[in-house]
Amino acid sequence: KHKKQPYAHRLLYISMLLGILLSVEELYIFFFCLGNVMSFRNRVITKASIGFALGVIIGISLTAFFVSTDMNDGKLYLVVPEFSKRVGNPLLAFMIEAILSGLLGACGNCSSAVYSLESWSITKATVIHFIITVIANYAVCYTLCWVSPFNIGDNLIMLVMFVIAYTMIWLTQYLRSKRNVAELNAELKEYKAMHHI
């Protein structure tokens, strides 16, 4: 039987932060009012760069906090002990964790650029974004020993959290689009009334 990691439930939140919070559309690029003037390629590159940096910071910080707190032996753990043992070198394990955390952040953040593709429906963009983020998230979680692939409960919890989060993302995007259409229709109606069309 696979030994349960005492910090596994808390490490689920690392993957959720990296995989979902970094993927919220417009959080970074549109905050700086660049979303409408950047090409799709530049938007993806910028989002990936920001996501990578934040992924490294969040992944390492939360791993250190949760694992060190749960181990409670006075030591600072920058990586999950099981992953460090598997790699055989603590420094190399830390470097791998930093790179994979960054890639997870980059993947989640840059894949949100699909929402800017006008030819795609909100549903299609959300499903594609969901698939990319979930696959990247599970791959990194398993590799870094954040979650065991043998722990069905933790894996189901993570999947349910993704489904809930992406349902909320889809609903937010849908309501925003509906509001924008209503505003455009109101402006068009007003324009027609003013010009007797």
N, C-alpha and C. Protein backbone atom coordinates (compact mmCIF):
# COMPACT_ATOMS: atom_id res chain seq x y z
N LYS A 1 0.85 -1.20 0.00
CA LYS A 1 0.00 0.00 0.00
C LYS A 1 0.88 1.25 0.00
N HIS A 2 0.48 2.24 -0.79
CA HIS A 2 1.29 3.46 -0.90
C HIS A 2 1.18 4.28 0.37
N LYS A 3 2.32 4.72 0.88
CA LYS A 3 2.36 5.51 2.11
C LYS A 3 1.82 6.91 1.84
N LYS A 4 0.88 7.35 2.66
CA LYS A 4 0.27 8.66 2.47
C LYS A 4 1.20 9.75 2.96
N GLN A 5 1.35 10.80 2.18
CA GLN A 5 2.17 11.93 2.56
C GLN A 5 1.34 12.85 3.47
N PRO A 6 1.86 13.28 4.62
CA PRO A 6 1.06 14.08 5.55
C PRO A 6 0.68 15.44 4.97
N TYR A 7 1.44 15.93 4.02
CA TYR A 7 1.21 17.27 3.47
C TYR A 7 0.53 17.23 2.11
N ALA A 8 0.08 16.07 1.67
CA ALA A 8 -0.45 15.94 0.31
C ALA A 8 -1.68 16.83 0.09
N HIS A 9 -2.59 16.87 1.07
CA HIS A 9 -3.79 17.68 0.89
C HIS A 9 -3.45 19.16 0.75
N ARG A 10 -2.50 19.63 1.52
CA ARG A 10 -2.12 21.03 1.42
C ARG A 10 -1.42 21.32 0.10
N LEU A 11 -0.63 20.37 -0.39
CA LEU A 11 0.08 20.59 -1.65
C LEU A 11 -0.88 20.61 -2.84
N LEU A 12 -2.09 20.10 -2.65
CA LEU A 12 -3.09 20.24 -3.70
C LEU A 12 -3.30 21.72 -4.01
N TYR A 13 -3.24 22.55 -2.97
CA TYR A 13 -3.49 23.98 -3.17
C TYR A 13 -2.37 24.65 -3.96
N ILE A 14 -1.17 24.12 -3.88
CA ILE A 14 -0.08 24.66 -4.71
C ILE A 14 -0.44 24.49 -6.17
N SER A 15 -0.84 23.28 -6.52
CA SER A 15 -1.17 23.03 -7.92
C SER A 15 -2.38 23.84 -8.36
N MET A 16 -3.33 24.04 -7.46
CA MET A 16 -4.50 24.84 -7.83
C MET A 16 -4.11 26.30 -8.05
N LEU A 17 -3.25 26.82 -7.18
CA LEU A 17 -2.80 28.20 -7.37
C LEU A 17 -2.04 28.35 -8.67
N LEU A 18 -1.13 27.43 -8.94
CA LEU A 18 -0.34 27.52 -10.15
C LEU A 18 -1.17 27.25 -11.40
N GLY A 19 -2.07 26.30 -11.30
CA GLY A 19 -2.81 25.90 -12.48
C GLY A 19 -4.03 26.72 -12.81
N ILE A 20 -4.63 27.37 -11.80
CA ILE A 20 -5.87 28.12 -12.04
C ILE A 20 -5.71 29.61 -11.82
N LEU A 21 -5.19 30.01 -10.67
CA LEU A 21 -5.10 31.44 -10.40
C LEU A 21 -4.21 32.15 -11.39
N LEU A 22 -3.15 31.48 -11.86
CA LEU A 22 -2.29 32.10 -12.85
C LEU A 22 -2.92 32.13 -14.23
N SER A 23 -4.02 31.39 -14.40
CA SER A 23 -4.61 31.28 -15.72
C SER A 23 -5.78 32.24 -15.95
N VAL A 24 -6.12 33.06 -14.96
CA VAL A 24 -7.27 33.94 -15.11
C VAL A 24 -7.00 34.97 -16.20
N GLU A 25 -7.89 35.00 -17.18
CA GLU A 25 -7.76 35.89 -18.34
C GLU A 25 -7.65 37.34 -17.91
N GLU A 26 -6.75 38.07 -18.51
CA GLU A 26 -6.58 39.52 -18.38
C GLU A 26 -5.92 39.95 -17.06
N LEU A 27 -5.61 39.03 -16.17
CA LEU A 27 -5.10 39.44 -14.87
C LEU A 27 -3.82 40.25 -14.97
N TYR A 28 -2.94 39.88 -15.89
CA TYR A 28 -1.67 40.58 -16.01
C TYR A 28 -1.62 41.49 -17.23
N ILE A 29 -1.84 40.90 -18.41
CA ILE A 29 -1.66 41.66 -19.64
C ILE A 29 -2.67 42.79 -19.74
N PHE A 30 -3.93 42.49 -19.53
CA PHE A 30 -4.95 43.52 -19.67
C PHE A 30 -4.89 44.53 -18.54
N PHE A 31 -4.32 44.14 -17.40
CA PHE A 31 -4.13 45.10 -16.31
C PHE A 31 -3.26 46.26 -16.77
N PHE A 32 -2.30 45.95 -17.63
CA PHE A 32 -1.42 46.98 -18.16
C PHE A 32 -1.92 47.57 -19.48
N CYS A 33 -3.19 47.27 -19.82
CA CYS A 33 -3.84 47.81 -21.02
C CYS A 33 -3.10 47.45 -22.30
N LEU A 34 -2.47 46.29 -22.33
CA LEU A 34 -1.74 45.89 -23.53
C LEU A 34 -2.50 44.83 -24.32
N GLY A 35 -3.57 44.28 -23.74
CA GLY A 35 -4.26 43.17 -24.37
C GLY A 35 -4.80 43.46 -25.74
N ASN A 36 -5.29 44.66 -25.97
CA ASN A 36 -5.92 44.96 -27.24
C ASN A 36 -4.93 45.36 -28.32
N VAL A 37 -3.69 45.71 -27.96
CA VAL A 37 -2.74 46.15 -28.97
C VAL A 37 -1.65 45.11 -29.25
N MET A 38 -1.58 44.06 -28.46
CA MET A 38 -0.56 43.03 -28.66
C MET A 38 -1.05 41.97 -29.62
N SER A 39 -0.14 41.44 -30.42
CA SER A 39 -0.49 40.30 -31.28
C SER A 39 -0.67 39.07 -30.39
N PHE A 40 -1.33 38.06 -30.95
CA PHE A 40 -1.57 36.84 -30.18
C PHE A 40 -0.25 36.22 -29.73
N ARG A 41 0.74 36.17 -30.62
CA ARG A 41 2.05 35.57 -30.29
C ARG A 41 2.72 36.33 -29.16
N ASN A 42 2.72 37.67 -29.23
CA ASN A 42 3.34 38.48 -28.18
C ASN A 42 2.59 38.35 -26.85
N ARG A 43 1.27 38.23 -26.94
CA ARG A 43 0.47 38.06 -25.73
C ARG A 43 0.84 36.75 -25.06
N VAL A 44 0.98 35.67 -25.85
CA VAL A 44 1.35 34.36 -25.31
C VAL A 44 2.73 34.41 -24.67
N ILE A 45 3.70 35.03 -25.35
CA ILE A 45 5.06 35.12 -24.82
C ILE A 45 5.09 35.92 -23.52
N THR A 46 4.38 37.05 -23.50
CA THR A 46 4.37 37.87 -22.28
C THR A 46 3.70 37.15 -21.13
N LYS A 47 2.55 36.53 -21.41
CA LYS A 47 1.85 35.79 -20.36
C LYS A 47 2.70 34.62 -19.85
N ALA A 48 3.39 33.92 -20.76
CA ALA A 48 4.23 32.80 -20.36
C ALA A 48 5.37 33.27 -19.47
N SER A 49 5.98 34.40 -19.81
CA SER A 49 7.10 34.92 -19.01
C SER A 49 6.66 35.30 -17.61
N ILE A 50 5.53 35.99 -17.52
CA ILE A 50 5.01 36.37 -16.20
C ILE A 50 4.59 35.13 -15.42
N GLY A 51 3.92 34.21 -16.10
CA GLY A 51 3.49 32.97 -15.45
C GLY A 51 4.65 32.14 -14.94
N PHE A 52 5.74 32.09 -15.72
CA PHE A 52 6.91 31.32 -15.30
C PHE A 52 7.49 31.90 -14.00
N ALA A 53 7.68 33.21 -13.98
CA ALA A 53 8.25 33.86 -12.79
C ALA A 53 7.37 33.65 -11.57
N LEU A 54 6.07 33.86 -11.73
CA LEU A 54 5.16 33.68 -10.59
C LEU A 54 5.05 32.21 -10.20
N GLY A 55 5.11 31.32 -11.18
CA GLY A 55 5.06 29.89 -10.88
C GLY A 55 6.22 29.45 -10.01
N VAL A 56 7.42 29.94 -10.33
CA VAL A 56 8.61 29.61 -9.53
C VAL A 56 8.43 30.12 -8.10
N ILE A 57 8.04 31.39 -7.97
CA ILE A 57 7.90 31.99 -6.64
C ILE A 57 6.84 31.27 -5.82
N ILE A 58 5.66 31.07 -6.41
CA ILE A 58 4.56 30.45 -5.67
C ILE A 58 4.86 28.98 -5.37
N GLY A 59 5.35 28.25 -6.36
CA GLY A 59 5.63 26.82 -6.16
C GLY A 59 6.63 26.56 -5.06
N ILE A 60 7.75 27.27 -5.10
CA ILE A 60 8.80 27.06 -4.09
C ILE A 60 8.35 27.56 -2.72
N SER A 61 7.72 28.73 -2.68
CA SER A 61 7.30 29.31 -1.40
C SER A 61 6.29 28.41 -0.69
N LEU A 62 5.27 27.96 -1.42
CA LEU A 62 4.24 27.15 -0.78
C LEU A 62 4.74 25.74 -0.45
N THR A 63 5.60 25.19 -1.30
CA THR A 63 6.18 23.89 -0.97
C THR A 63 6.99 24.00 0.32
N ALA A 64 7.83 25.02 0.40
CA ALA A 64 8.65 25.22 1.60
C ALA A 64 7.77 25.40 2.84
N PHE A 65 6.73 26.21 2.71
CA PHE A 65 5.87 26.48 3.86
C PHE A 65 5.13 25.22 4.31
N PHE A 66 4.42 24.57 3.38
CA PHE A 66 3.59 23.43 3.77
C PHE A 66 4.42 22.23 4.22
N VAL A 67 5.46 21.89 3.48
CA VAL A 67 6.25 20.71 3.84
C VAL A 67 7.01 20.94 5.14
N SER A 68 7.63 22.12 5.29
CA SER A 68 8.37 22.41 6.52
C SER A 68 7.44 22.43 7.72
N THR A 69 6.25 22.99 7.55
CA THR A 69 5.29 23.04 8.65
C THR A 69 4.82 21.64 9.02
N ASP A 70 4.51 20.83 8.05
CA ASP A 70 4.00 19.50 8.34
C ASP A 70 5.08 18.54 8.86
N MET A 71 6.31 18.70 8.38
CA MET A 71 7.39 17.86 8.90
C MET A 71 7.72 18.24 10.34
N ASN A 72 7.64 19.53 10.65
CA ASN A 72 7.77 20.05 12.02
C ASN A 72 8.99 19.50 12.77
N ASP A 73 10.15 19.53 12.09
CA ASP A 73 11.37 19.06 12.76
C ASP A 73 12.44 20.15 12.80
N GLY A 74 12.04 21.39 12.57
CA GLY A 74 12.97 22.51 12.66
C GLY A 74 13.80 22.73 11.41
N LYS A 75 13.58 21.94 10.38
CA LYS A 75 14.34 22.09 9.14
C LYS A 75 13.47 22.79 8.08
N LEU A 76 14.15 23.44 7.14
CA LEU A 76 13.47 24.06 6.01
C LEU A 76 13.53 23.10 4.82
N TYR A 77 12.37 22.73 4.31
CA TYR A 77 12.29 21.83 3.16
C TYR A 77 11.85 22.63 1.93
N LEU A 78 12.74 22.74 0.96
CA LEU A 78 12.40 23.46 -0.27
C LEU A 78 11.77 22.55 -1.31
N VAL A 79 11.91 21.24 -1.11
CA VAL A 79 11.28 20.26 -1.99
C VAL A 79 10.67 19.15 -1.13
N VAL A 80 9.77 18.40 -1.71
CA VAL A 80 9.18 17.26 -1.01
C VAL A 80 10.27 16.22 -0.81
N PRO A 81 10.44 15.70 0.42
CA PRO A 81 11.52 14.74 0.71
C PRO A 81 11.53 13.53 -0.24
N GLU A 82 10.36 13.02 -0.60
CA GLU A 82 10.30 11.87 -1.51
C GLU A 82 10.92 12.21 -2.87
N PHE A 83 10.67 13.43 -3.35
CA PHE A 83 11.23 13.84 -4.64
C PHE A 83 12.74 14.01 -4.53
N SER A 84 13.20 14.58 -3.44
CA SER A 84 14.64 14.77 -3.22
C SER A 84 15.36 13.42 -3.18
N LYS A 85 14.73 12.44 -2.52
CA LYS A 85 15.33 11.09 -2.46
C LYS A 85 15.36 10.45 -3.84
N ARG A 86 14.29 10.64 -4.60
CA ARG A 86 14.22 10.05 -5.94
C ARG A 86 15.31 10.63 -6.85
N VAL A 87 15.54 11.94 -6.76
CA VAL A 87 16.56 12.59 -7.60
C VAL A 87 17.96 12.25 -7.10
N GLY A 88 18.13 12.17 -5.77
CA GLY A 88 19.42 11.81 -5.20
C GLY A 88 20.34 12.98 -4.91
N ASN A 89 19.93 14.18 -5.29
CA ASN A 89 20.74 15.38 -5.05
C ASN A 89 19.78 16.52 -4.72
N PRO A 90 19.82 17.05 -3.47
CA PRO A 90 18.87 18.09 -3.06
C PRO A 90 18.92 19.35 -3.94
N LEU A 91 20.11 19.76 -4.36
CA LEU A 91 20.22 20.96 -5.19
C LEU A 91 19.59 20.73 -6.57
N LEU A 92 19.86 19.57 -7.15
CA LEU A 92 19.26 19.25 -8.45
C LEU A 92 17.74 19.13 -8.33
N ALA A 93 17.27 18.54 -7.23
CA ALA A 93 15.83 18.42 -7.00
C ALA A 93 15.19 19.80 -6.91
N PHE A 94 15.86 20.73 -6.22
CA PHE A 94 15.35 22.09 -6.09
C PHE A 94 15.30 22.78 -7.46
N MET A 95 16.33 22.59 -8.27
CA MET A 95 16.37 23.21 -9.60
C MET A 95 15.26 22.65 -10.49
N ILE A 96 15.04 21.35 -10.42
CA ILE A 96 13.98 20.72 -11.22
C ILE A 96 12.62 21.25 -10.77
N GLU A 97 12.42 21.34 -9.44
CA GLU A 97 11.16 21.87 -8.91
C GLU A 97 10.93 23.30 -9.38
N ALA A 98 11.97 24.13 -9.35
CA ALA A 98 11.83 25.53 -9.78
C ALA A 98 11.43 25.60 -11.25
N ILE A 99 12.09 24.81 -12.09
CA ILE A 99 11.80 24.83 -13.53
C ILE A 99 10.38 24.32 -13.80
N LEU A 100 10.01 23.20 -13.18
CA LEU A 100 8.68 22.65 -13.42
C LEU A 100 7.57 23.54 -12.86
N SER A 101 7.81 24.16 -11.70
CA SER A 101 6.83 25.11 -11.15
C SER A 101 6.66 26.28 -12.10
N GLY A 102 7.78 26.76 -12.64
CA GLY A 102 7.72 27.86 -13.60
C GLY A 102 6.99 27.47 -14.87
N LEU A 103 7.27 26.26 -15.38
CA LEU A 103 6.59 25.80 -16.59
C LEU A 103 5.09 25.63 -16.36
N LEU A 104 4.72 25.17 -15.17
CA LEU A 104 3.29 25.05 -14.86
C LEU A 104 2.62 26.41 -14.83
N GLY A 105 3.29 27.38 -14.20
CA GLY A 105 2.75 28.75 -14.19
C GLY A 105 2.67 29.34 -15.59
N ALA A 106 3.70 29.10 -16.39
CA ALA A 106 3.73 29.61 -17.77
C ALA A 106 2.61 28.98 -18.59
N CYS A 107 2.45 27.67 -18.43
CA CYS A 107 1.42 26.94 -19.19
C CYS A 107 0.02 27.44 -18.84
N GLY A 108 -0.25 27.57 -17.56
CA GLY A 108 -1.57 28.04 -17.14
C GLY A 108 -1.84 29.46 -17.57
N ASN A 109 -0.82 30.31 -17.48
CA ASN A 109 -1.03 31.72 -17.80
C ASN A 109 -1.09 31.97 -19.30
N CYS A 110 -0.18 31.38 -20.07
CA CYS A 110 -0.17 31.67 -21.51
C CYS A 110 -1.32 30.98 -22.23
N SER A 111 -1.77 29.84 -21.72
CA SER A 111 -2.88 29.17 -22.41
C SER A 111 -4.19 29.94 -22.27
N SER A 112 -4.25 30.89 -21.32
CA SER A 112 -5.46 31.71 -21.19
C SER A 112 -5.59 32.68 -22.36
N ALA A 113 -4.54 32.79 -23.17
CA ALA A 113 -4.62 33.66 -24.35
C ALA A 113 -5.65 33.15 -25.35
N VAL A 114 -6.09 31.89 -25.23
CA VAL A 114 -7.10 31.37 -26.15
C VAL A 114 -8.40 32.15 -26.06
N TYR A 115 -8.63 32.81 -24.92
CA TYR A 115 -9.85 33.60 -24.78
C TYR A 115 -9.85 34.82 -25.69
N SER A 116 -8.68 35.21 -26.19
CA SER A 116 -8.61 36.38 -27.07
C SER A 116 -8.83 36.01 -28.54
N LEU A 117 -8.96 34.71 -28.84
CA LEU A 117 -9.22 34.28 -30.22
C LEU A 117 -10.70 34.50 -30.53
N GLU A 118 -10.98 35.49 -31.34
CA GLU A 118 -12.37 35.87 -31.60
C GLU A 118 -13.13 34.79 -32.36
N SER A 119 -12.43 33.93 -33.09
CA SER A 119 -13.10 32.89 -33.85
C SER A 119 -13.53 31.71 -32.97
N TRP A 120 -13.05 31.68 -31.72
CA TRP A 120 -13.40 30.59 -30.82
C TRP A 120 -14.54 31.01 -29.90
N SER A 121 -15.44 30.08 -29.64
CA SER A 121 -16.51 30.35 -28.67
C SER A 121 -15.92 30.30 -27.26
N ILE A 122 -16.65 30.85 -26.32
CA ILE A 122 -16.20 30.84 -24.92
C ILE A 122 -16.09 29.40 -24.44
N THR A 123 -17.03 28.56 -24.83
CA THR A 123 -17.01 27.16 -24.41
C THR A 123 -15.77 26.45 -24.94
N LYS A 124 -15.47 26.63 -26.23
CA LYS A 124 -14.30 25.98 -26.83
C LYS A 124 -13.02 26.45 -26.15
N ALA A 125 -12.89 27.77 -25.95
CA ALA A 125 -11.69 28.31 -25.30
C ALA A 125 -11.53 27.77 -23.89
N THR A 126 -12.65 27.69 -23.15
CA THR A 126 -12.60 27.19 -21.77
C THR A 126 -12.22 25.71 -21.74
N VAL A 127 -12.78 24.92 -22.63
CA VAL A 127 -12.47 23.47 -22.66
C VAL A 127 -11.01 23.25 -23.02
N ILE A 128 -10.51 23.96 -24.03
CA ILE A 128 -9.10 23.81 -24.43
C ILE A 128 -8.18 24.24 -23.30
N HIS A 129 -8.50 25.37 -22.68
CA HIS A 129 -7.70 25.87 -21.56
C HIS A 129 -7.72 24.88 -20.40
N PHE A 130 -8.90 24.32 -20.11
CA PHE A 130 -9.06 23.33 -19.05
C PHE A 130 -8.17 22.11 -19.31
N ILE A 131 -8.22 21.58 -20.52
CA ILE A 131 -7.45 20.38 -20.87
C ILE A 131 -5.95 20.63 -20.73
N ILE A 132 -5.47 21.74 -21.27
CA ILE A 132 -4.04 22.07 -21.20
C ILE A 132 -3.60 22.20 -19.74
N THR A 133 -4.38 22.94 -18.96
CA THR A 133 -4.00 23.19 -17.57
C THR A 133 -4.05 21.92 -16.72
N VAL A 134 -5.08 21.11 -16.90
CA VAL A 134 -5.22 19.88 -16.11
C VAL A 134 -4.09 18.90 -16.42
N ILE A 135 -3.78 18.72 -17.70
CA ILE A 135 -2.70 17.79 -18.07
C ILE A 135 -1.37 18.27 -17.49
N ALA A 136 -1.07 19.56 -17.65
CA ALA A 136 0.19 20.10 -17.12
C ALA A 136 0.23 19.98 -15.60
N ASN A 137 -0.90 20.26 -14.97
CA ASN A 137 -0.97 20.23 -13.51
C ASN A 137 -0.70 18.83 -12.96
N TYR A 138 -1.40 17.84 -13.51
CA TYR A 138 -1.19 16.48 -13.03
C TYR A 138 0.24 16.00 -13.30
N ALA A 139 0.78 16.33 -14.46
CA ALA A 139 2.15 15.90 -14.79
C ALA A 139 3.16 16.45 -13.79
N VAL A 140 3.03 17.74 -13.47
CA VAL A 140 3.96 18.36 -12.52
C VAL A 140 3.74 17.84 -11.11
N CYS A 141 2.48 17.70 -10.71
CA CYS A 141 2.18 17.19 -9.37
C CYS A 141 2.77 15.81 -9.14
N TYR A 142 2.62 14.93 -10.12
CA TYR A 142 3.17 13.58 -9.99
C TYR A 142 4.69 13.58 -10.00
N THR A 143 5.27 14.38 -10.90
CA THR A 143 6.73 14.41 -11.01
C THR A 143 7.37 14.92 -9.73
N LEU A 144 6.82 15.99 -9.14
CA LEU A 144 7.41 16.59 -7.95
C LEU A 144 6.94 15.97 -6.64
N CYS A 145 6.15 14.90 -6.75
CA CYS A 145 5.62 14.19 -5.57
C CYS A 145 4.71 15.07 -4.72
N TRP A 146 4.08 16.07 -5.33
CA TRP A 146 3.11 16.88 -4.60
C TRP A 146 1.88 16.04 -4.30
N VAL A 147 1.52 15.19 -5.24
CA VAL A 147 0.37 14.30 -5.09
C VAL A 147 0.78 12.94 -5.65
N SER A 148 0.36 11.88 -4.99
CA SER A 148 0.68 10.53 -5.48
C SER A 148 -0.34 10.12 -6.54
N PRO A 149 0.13 9.54 -7.64
CA PRO A 149 -0.81 9.05 -8.65
C PRO A 149 -1.65 7.89 -8.14
N PHE A 150 -1.23 7.28 -7.02
CA PHE A 150 -1.94 6.14 -6.46
C PHE A 150 -3.02 6.55 -5.45
N ASN A 151 -3.05 7.85 -5.10
CA ASN A 151 -4.04 8.32 -4.13
C ASN A 151 -5.26 8.83 -4.89
N ILE A 152 -6.24 7.96 -5.05
CA ILE A 152 -7.42 8.29 -5.85
C ILE A 152 -8.19 9.45 -5.24
N GLY A 153 -8.28 9.49 -3.92
CA GLY A 153 -9.02 10.56 -3.24
C GLY A 153 -8.46 11.94 -3.56
N ASP A 154 -7.15 12.11 -3.41
CA ASP A 154 -6.52 13.41 -3.70
C ASP A 154 -6.66 13.79 -5.17
N ASN A 155 -6.53 12.80 -6.05
CA ASN A 155 -6.66 13.07 -7.47
C ASN A 155 -8.07 13.50 -7.85
N LEU A 156 -9.07 12.88 -7.23
CA LEU A 156 -10.45 13.26 -7.49
C LEU A 156 -10.75 14.65 -6.93
N ILE A 157 -10.23 14.94 -5.74
CA ILE A 157 -10.42 16.27 -5.15
C ILE A 157 -9.86 17.33 -6.09
N MET A 158 -8.66 17.08 -6.61
CA MET A 158 -8.03 18.05 -7.50
C MET A 158 -8.86 18.23 -8.77
N LEU A 159 -9.37 17.13 -9.34
CA LEU A 159 -10.17 17.22 -10.55
C LEU A 159 -11.47 17.98 -10.30
N VAL A 160 -12.12 17.70 -9.19
CA VAL A 160 -13.37 18.40 -8.85
C VAL A 160 -13.12 19.89 -8.68
N MET A 161 -12.01 20.23 -8.02
CA MET A 161 -11.68 21.65 -7.84
C MET A 161 -11.46 22.32 -9.19
N PHE A 162 -10.81 21.63 -10.12
CA PHE A 162 -10.62 22.17 -11.47
C PHE A 162 -11.96 22.39 -12.16
N VAL A 163 -12.84 21.40 -12.09
CA VAL A 163 -14.13 21.51 -12.75
C VAL A 163 -14.93 22.70 -12.18
N ILE A 164 -14.93 22.84 -10.87
CA ILE A 164 -15.64 23.96 -10.25
C ILE A 164 -15.04 25.29 -10.69
N ALA A 165 -13.71 25.39 -10.65
CA ALA A 165 -13.04 26.63 -11.03
C ALA A 165 -13.31 26.99 -12.48
N TYR A 166 -13.23 26.00 -13.36
CA TYR A 166 -13.45 26.29 -14.79
C TYR A 166 -14.90 26.56 -15.12
N THR A 167 -15.81 25.98 -14.35
CA THR A 167 -17.22 26.34 -14.52
C THR A 167 -17.42 27.80 -14.16
N MET A 168 -16.75 28.26 -13.11
CA MET A 168 -16.85 29.67 -12.72
C MET A 168 -16.19 30.57 -13.76
N ILE A 169 -15.05 30.13 -14.31
CA ILE A 169 -14.37 30.92 -15.35
C ILE A 169 -15.28 31.04 -16.57
N TRP A 170 -15.88 29.91 -16.98
CA TRP A 170 -16.77 29.92 -18.15
C TRP A 170 -17.96 30.84 -17.90
N LEU A 171 -18.56 30.72 -16.72
CA LEU A 171 -19.74 31.54 -16.39
C LEU A 171 -19.39 33.03 -16.40
N THR A 172 -18.22 33.36 -15.83
CA THR A 172 -17.77 34.76 -15.81
C THR A 172 -17.57 35.28 -17.24
N GLN A 173 -16.90 34.49 -18.09
CA GLN A 173 -16.68 34.90 -19.47
C GLN A 173 -18.00 35.03 -20.22
N TYR A 174 -18.91 34.10 -19.99
CA TYR A 174 -20.21 34.12 -20.66
C TYR A 174 -21.00 35.37 -20.27
N LEU A 175 -21.07 35.65 -18.97
CA LEU A 175 -21.83 36.82 -18.51
C LEU A 175 -21.19 38.11 -19.01
N ARG A 176 -19.86 38.15 -19.06
CA ARG A 176 -19.17 39.34 -19.58
C ARG A 176 -19.51 39.55 -21.05
N SER A 177 -19.48 38.47 -21.82
CA SER A 177 -19.80 38.58 -23.25
C SER A 177 -21.26 38.99 -23.46
N LYS A 178 -22.13 38.43 -22.66
CA LYS A 178 -23.56 38.76 -22.76
C LYS A 178 -23.78 40.24 -22.45
N ARG A 179 -23.10 40.73 -21.43
CA ARG A 179 -23.21 42.15 -21.07
C ARG A 179 -22.68 43.04 -22.19
N ASN A 180 -21.55 42.64 -22.79
CA ASN A 180 -20.97 43.42 -23.89
C ASN A 180 -21.90 43.48 -25.09
N VAL A 181 -22.54 42.35 -25.40
CA VAL A 181 -23.49 42.32 -26.52
C VAL A 181 -24.68 43.22 -26.23
N ALA A 182 -25.18 43.17 -24.99
CA ALA A 182 -26.32 44.01 -24.61
C ALA A 182 -25.95 45.50 -24.73
N GLU A 183 -24.73 45.85 -24.29
CA GLU A 183 -24.29 47.25 -24.40
C GLU A 183 -24.17 47.69 -25.85
N LEU A 184 -23.62 46.82 -26.70
CA LEU A 184 -23.49 47.15 -28.13
C LEU A 184 -24.86 47.31 -28.78
N ASN A 185 -25.79 46.42 -28.42
CA ASN A 185 -27.15 46.53 -28.97
C ASN A 185 -27.82 47.81 -28.53
N ALA A 186 -27.61 48.21 -27.27
CA ALA A 186 -28.20 49.45 -26.76
C ALA A 186 -27.61 50.66 -27.49
N GLU A 187 -26.29 50.64 -27.72
CA GLU A 187 -25.65 51.74 -28.44
C GLU A 187 -26.13 51.80 -29.88
N LEU A 188 -26.31 50.64 -30.51
CA LEU A 188 -26.79 50.59 -31.88
C LEU A 188 -28.22 51.12 -31.98
N LYS A 189 -29.04 50.74 -31.02
CA LYS A 189 -30.43 51.21 -30.98
C LYS A 189 -30.48 52.73 -30.81
N GLU A 190 -29.62 53.24 -29.92
CA GLU A 190 -29.55 54.68 -29.69
C GLU A 190 -29.07 55.41 -30.94
N TYR A 191 -28.08 54.83 -31.61
CA TYR A 191 -27.55 55.43 -32.84
C TYR A 191 -28.63 55.50 -33.92
N LYS A 192 -29.37 54.39 -34.07
CA LYS A 192 -30.43 54.36 -35.07
C LYS A 192 -31.53 55.38 -34.76
N ALA A 193 -31.84 55.52 -33.48
CA ALA A 193 -32.88 56.49 -33.08
C ALA A 193 -32.42 57.91 -33.36
N MET A 194 -31.17 58.21 -33.11
CA MET A 194 -30.64 59.56 -33.34
C MET A 194 -30.58 59.91 -34.81
N HIS A 195 -30.31 58.91 -35.65
CA HIS A 195 -30.13 59.17 -37.08
C HIS A 195 -31.34 58.71 -37.91
N HIS A 196 -32.43 58.38 -37.21
CA HIS A 196 -33.69 58.00 -37.86
C HIS A 196 -33.49 56.88 -38.89
N ILE A 197 -32.75 55.86 -38.48
CA ILE A 197 -32.51 54.73 -39.38
C ILE A 197 -33.55 53.65 -39.14
